[in-house]
Amino acid sequence: MALEARVDRLEAALTRLAEVQVRSEERFARLEEAQIHNEERFARLEEAQIHNEERFARLEEAQIRTEEHFARLEEAQARTEARVEQLAAAQARTEARVEQLAAAQARTEARVEQLAAAQERTERAVQTLAQQVGRLADTIGFTLEDLAREVTPPYLAQHYNIHVSQLDRHFIVLGDQELEFDLYGAGQRDGETVTVVGEVRSRIYGRDVEDAVRRTTRLTSQLSGTPVTVLFGFVIHPSAREAAQRLGAIVISSSGR
């Protein structure tokens, strides 16, 4: 009996061991499955990690490019600010120049007004002088002609070897026109007969000489000798001396020059 009981207990123990072994194998099987699952998860995690590292690498490159871009933007900004400062300085200089020009314009306008006033005063003075000269011409006209008739003959003899005994006022009819001459007289020059035809004026200009020569030329056919154009006056303008030299006329100042 005792042996049977022991055998029963042994069988029961073996049965429990078999059950434990089955459960252990089942547990190991689950552990193996879990291990396989974990390995698969680790593999996916490794792939994800690799993918993340690649993304991080791309992000780092993008960050570097961004920083380089920002650096270029900062340089461009610095250049822009420097340019703005230059433009501001140029603007300040321009404004200062405009103010100077405005001040100069104001001074110019003031000067123009002064000149306009001076011109007005000058015109009034010229008008007054013209009136005085006109009255003076009326007063001394006869005296100047008398002086011319006294001075001209010895001057012509001394400087041009023209000898004329007397010069008078003379009238010549040319067609339907009567021409009046302040100085007129016949004379001799180196054995040649000449006729002095002249005018007396307070001031003698180049145009006066040209007009006198034209008048004398018109009379050539009516004169007994070679015409000699003479002009006598108080003031001889340089243009009159130039015209006389060019046209062969003679100009004499009241001082005998």
Protein backbone atom coordinates (compact mmCIF):
# COMPACT_ATOMS: atom_id res chain seq x y z
CA MET A 1 0.00 0.00 0.00
CA ALA A 2 2.70 2.33 0.89
CA LEU A 3 4.44 1.69 -2.41
CA GLU A 4 1.32 2.38 -4.39
CA ALA A 5 0.76 5.54 -2.55
CA ARG A 6 4.29 6.65 -3.28
CA VAL A 7 3.80 5.71 -6.94
CA ASP A 8 0.61 7.70 -7.06
CA ARG A 9 2.32 10.70 -5.55
CA LEU A 10 5.19 10.29 -7.99
CA GLU A 11 2.82 10.15 -10.92
CA ALA A 12 0.96 13.11 -9.62
CA ALA A 13 4.26 14.97 -9.28
CA LEU A 14 5.27 13.96 -12.78
CA THR A 15 1.89 15.08 -14.05
CA ARG A 16 2.37 18.48 -12.39
CA LEU A 17 5.90 18.61 -13.78
CA ALA A 18 4.53 17.83 -17.22
CA GLU A 19 1.91 20.55 -16.82
CA VAL A 20 4.58 22.97 -15.59
CA GLN A 21 6.75 21.95 -18.51
CA VAL A 22 3.89 22.60 -20.91
CA ARG A 23 3.20 25.95 -19.35
CA SER A 24 6.92 26.73 -19.43
CA GLU A 25 7.12 25.80 -23.08
CA GLU A 26 4.05 27.88 -23.78
CA ARG A 27 5.60 30.74 -21.81
CA PHE A 28 8.89 30.31 -23.68
CA ALA A 29 6.94 30.29 -26.92
CA ARG A 30 5.23 33.52 -25.93
CA LEU A 31 8.58 34.91 -24.85
CA GLU A 32 10.06 33.93 -28.20
CA GLU A 33 7.14 35.56 -29.98
CA ALA A 34 7.54 38.65 -27.82
CA GLN A 35 11.28 38.62 -28.52
CA ILE A 36 10.62 38.35 -32.24
CA HIS A 37 8.07 41.15 -31.94
CA ASN A 38 10.52 43.24 -29.96
CA GLU A 39 13.26 42.59 -32.48
CA GLU A 40 10.88 43.66 -35.24
CA ARG A 41 10.02 46.79 -33.22
CA PHE A 42 13.71 47.44 -32.62
CA ALA A 43 14.32 47.05 -36.35
CA ARG A 44 11.53 49.55 -37.10
CA LEU A 45 12.89 51.85 -34.38
CA GLU A 46 16.37 51.57 -35.92
CA GLU A 47 14.91 52.41 -39.33
CA ALA A 48 13.00 55.31 -37.81
CA GLN A 49 16.17 56.43 -36.04
CA ILE A 50 18.11 56.26 -39.29
CA HIS A 51 15.32 58.19 -41.02
CA ASN A 52 15.30 60.76 -38.21
CA GLU A 53 19.08 61.12 -38.40
CA GLU A 54 18.80 61.68 -42.15
CA ARG A 55 16.08 64.29 -41.52
CA PHE A 56 18.24 65.90 -38.85
CA ALA A 57 21.14 65.97 -41.33
CA ARG A 58 18.94 67.64 -43.92
CA LEU A 59 17.64 70.06 -41.28
CA GLU A 60 21.22 70.86 -40.27
CA GLU A 61 22.10 71.56 -43.92
CA ALA A 62 18.98 73.68 -44.31
CA GLN A 63 19.88 75.49 -41.08
CA ILE A 64 23.38 76.16 -42.41
CA ARG A 65 21.94 77.48 -45.65
CA THR A 66 19.47 79.60 -43.68
CA GLU A 67 22.26 81.02 -41.54
CA GLU A 68 24.30 81.77 -44.66
CA HIS A 69 21.26 83.44 -46.19
CA PHE A 70 20.74 85.50 -43.04
CA ALA A 71 24.42 86.44 -43.11
CA ARG A 72 24.06 87.66 -46.71
CA LEU A 73 20.90 89.52 -45.75
CA GLU A 74 22.72 91.16 -42.85
CA GLU A 75 25.54 92.24 -45.18
CA ALA A 76 23.01 93.56 -47.69
CA GLN A 77 21.23 95.36 -44.88
CA ALA A 78 24.51 96.89 -43.73
CA ARG A 79 25.23 98.04 -47.30
CA THR A 80 21.71 99.42 -47.59
CA GLU A 81 22.06 101.34 -44.34
CA ALA A 82 25.41 102.74 -45.49
CA ARG A 83 23.83 103.73 -48.81
CA VAL A 84 20.92 105.36 -46.98
CA GLU A 85 23.39 107.34 -44.88
CA GLN A 86 25.21 108.44 -48.04
CA LEU A 87 21.91 109.46 -49.63
CA ALA A 88 20.93 111.32 -46.48
CA ALA A 89 24.25 113.17 -46.52
CA ALA A 90 23.83 113.94 -50.23
CA GLN A 91 20.30 115.15 -49.57
CA ALA A 92 21.59 117.40 -46.81
CA ARG A 93 24.22 118.81 -49.18
CA THR A 94 21.58 119.29 -51.87
CA GLU A 95 19.30 121.12 -49.47
CA ALA A 96 22.18 123.34 -48.39
CA ARG A 97 23.01 124.01 -52.05
CA VAL A 98 19.36 124.84 -52.77
CA GLU A 99 19.37 127.28 -49.87
CA GLN A 100 22.56 128.87 -51.23
CA LEU A 101 21.03 129.11 -54.70
CA ALA A 102 17.86 130.59 -53.26
CA ALA A 103 19.92 133.18 -51.38
CA ALA A 104 21.94 133.90 -54.54
CA GLN A 105 18.71 134.20 -56.53
CA ALA A 106 17.38 136.65 -53.98
CA ARG A 107 20.59 138.68 -54.23
CA THR A 108 20.40 138.55 -58.04
CA GLU A 109 16.80 139.73 -58.03
CA ALA A 110 17.72 142.56 -55.68
CA ARG A 111 20.64 143.44 -57.97
CA VAL A 112 18.36 143.36 -61.02
CA GLU A 113 15.97 145.72 -59.28
CA GLN A 114 18.88 148.02 -58.46
CA LEU A 115 20.07 147.86 -62.06
CA ALA A 116 16.56 148.52 -63.33
CA ALA A 117 16.34 151.58 -61.09
CA ALA A 118 19.80 152.69 -62.21
CA GLN A 119 18.80 152.13 -65.85
CA GLU A 120 15.73 154.25 -65.33
CA ARG A 121 17.84 157.01 -63.80
CA THR A 122 20.33 156.68 -66.67
CA GLU A 123 17.58 156.96 -69.27
CA ARG A 124 16.24 160.08 -67.59
CA ALA A 125 19.78 161.50 -67.46
CA VAL A 126 20.32 160.67 -71.15
CA GLN A 127 17.08 162.38 -72.07
CA THR A 128 18.11 165.44 -70.09
CA LEU A 129 21.57 165.36 -71.66
CA ALA A 130 20.07 165.02 -75.13
CA GLN A 131 17.95 168.08 -74.50
CA GLN A 132 20.98 169.99 -73.22
CA VAL A 133 23.10 168.89 -76.18
CA GLY A 134 20.35 169.97 -78.54
CA ARG A 135 20.20 173.39 -76.94
CA LEU A 136 24.02 173.56 -76.93
CA ALA A 137 24.16 172.65 -80.61
CA ASP A 138 21.73 175.42 -81.38
CA THR A 139 23.87 177.83 -79.34
CA ILE A 140 27.34 176.90 -80.63
CA GLY A 141 26.55 175.63 -84.09
CA PHE A 142 27.54 178.85 -85.83
CA THR A 143 30.64 179.25 -83.66
CA LEU A 144 31.84 175.69 -84.44
CA GLU A 145 31.47 176.30 -88.16
CA ASP A 146 33.40 179.56 -87.87
CA LEU A 147 36.14 177.69 -85.98
CA ALA A 148 36.18 175.00 -88.68
CA ARG A 149 36.61 177.58 -91.44
CA GLU A 150 39.55 179.11 -89.57
CA VAL A 151 41.32 175.84 -88.56
CA THR A 152 40.74 173.63 -91.60
CA PRO A 153 42.73 175.50 -94.32
CA PRO A 154 46.06 175.66 -92.42
CA TYR A 155 45.55 172.05 -91.22
CA LEU A 156 45.05 170.81 -94.78
CA ALA A 157 48.08 172.75 -95.98
CA GLN A 158 50.31 171.44 -93.22
CA HIS A 159 49.25 167.78 -93.19
CA TYR A 160 47.96 167.09 -96.73
CA ASN A 161 49.63 169.79 -98.87
CA ILE A 162 46.16 170.99 -99.85
CA HIS A 163 46.05 174.75 -100.27
CA VAL A 164 42.63 176.38 -100.15
CA SER A 165 42.25 180.11 -99.52
CA GLN A 166 38.71 180.06 -98.14
CA LEU A 167 35.96 177.67 -97.06
CA ASP A 168 32.30 178.76 -97.05
CA ARG A 169 28.83 177.31 -96.66
CA HIS A 170 27.68 176.17 -100.08
CA PHE A 171 24.49 174.81 -101.69
CA ILE A 172 24.45 172.52 -104.72
CA VAL A 173 21.33 171.44 -106.62
CA LEU A 174 21.43 167.79 -107.63
CA GLY A 175 18.42 166.88 -109.71
CA ASP A 176 15.38 167.97 -107.73
CA GLN A 177 17.34 167.98 -104.46
CA GLU A 178 19.35 170.76 -102.88
CA LEU A 179 22.39 169.67 -100.87
CA GLU A 180 23.94 171.91 -98.21
CA PHE A 181 27.63 171.76 -97.23
CA ASP A 182 29.19 173.47 -94.22
CA LEU A 183 32.67 173.65 -95.81
CA TYR A 184 33.25 174.18 -99.51
CA GLY A 185 36.16 175.64 -101.46
CA ALA A 186 38.50 175.11 -104.42
CA GLY A 187 42.24 174.58 -103.95
CA GLN A 188 45.44 172.97 -105.19
CA ARG A 189 47.37 169.82 -104.23
CA ASP A 190 50.68 169.20 -105.93
CA GLY A 191 49.54 171.15 -109.00
CA GLU A 192 46.18 169.32 -109.12
CA THR A 193 42.89 171.15 -108.72
CA VAL A 194 40.81 169.84 -105.81
CA THR A 195 37.47 170.79 -104.28
CA VAL A 196 37.11 170.52 -100.51
CA VAL A 197 33.61 169.41 -99.52
CA GLY A 198 33.00 169.08 -95.81
CA GLU A 199 30.64 169.00 -92.86
CA VAL A 200 30.82 170.25 -89.28
CA ARG A 201 29.46 168.14 -86.38
CA SER A 202 29.82 168.16 -82.60
CA ARG A 203 30.64 164.42 -82.57
CA ILE A 204 31.80 162.44 -85.56
CA TYR A 205 31.30 158.66 -85.88
CA GLY A 206 32.19 156.20 -88.60
CA ARG A 207 28.70 156.34 -90.09
CA ASP A 208 29.00 160.14 -90.43
CA VAL A 209 32.16 159.72 -92.47
CA GLU A 210 30.52 157.10 -94.69
CA ASP A 211 27.48 159.35 -95.29
CA ALA A 212 29.70 162.35 -96.14
CA VAL A 213 31.76 160.34 -98.64
CA ARG A 214 28.57 159.08 -100.33
CA ARG A 215 27.28 162.66 -100.66
CA THR A 216 30.58 163.87 -102.09
CA THR A 217 30.70 160.98 -104.56
CA ARG A 218 27.31 162.03 -105.94
CA LEU A 219 28.74 165.48 -106.74
CA THR A 220 31.84 164.35 -108.63
CA SER A 221 30.46 165.28 -112.04
CA GLN A 222 29.57 168.81 -110.86
CA LEU A 223 32.88 169.65 -109.17
CA SER A 224 35.68 171.53 -110.89
CA GLY A 225 38.39 169.47 -109.22
CA THR A 226 39.03 166.16 -107.49
CA PRO A 227 36.71 165.96 -104.44
CA VAL A 228 38.23 165.87 -100.95
CA THR A 229 35.83 164.95 -98.15
CA VAL A 230 36.51 166.69 -94.83
CA LEU A 231 34.69 166.42 -91.47
CA PHE A 232 35.35 168.79 -88.57
CA GLY A 233 34.10 168.28 -84.99
CA PHE A 234 34.64 168.57 -81.27
CA VAL A 235 34.95 164.80 -80.66
CA ILE A 236 36.27 162.27 -83.19
CA HIS A 237 35.23 158.69 -82.41
CA PRO A 238 37.80 155.94 -83.27
CA SER A 239 35.30 154.48 -85.74
CA ALA A 240 35.38 157.80 -87.62
CA ARG A 241 39.17 157.70 -87.99
CA GLU A 242 38.99 154.08 -89.19
CA ALA A 243 36.32 154.93 -91.76
CA ALA A 244 38.24 158.02 -92.93
CA GLN A 245 41.41 155.98 -93.46
CA ARG A 246 39.47 153.32 -95.31
CA LEU A 247 37.52 155.75 -97.57
CA GLY A 248 40.18 158.43 -98.09
CA ALA A 249 38.38 161.14 -96.13
CA ILE A 250 39.91 163.61 -93.64
CA VAL A 251 38.64 164.14 -90.07
CA ILE A 252 39.81 167.10 -87.99
CA SER A 253 39.11 167.75 -84.31
CA SER A 254 38.53 171.24 -82.94
CA SER A 255 41.92 170.97 -81.22
CA GLY A 256 43.57 170.77 -84.65
CA ARG A 257 44.34 167.03 -84.59
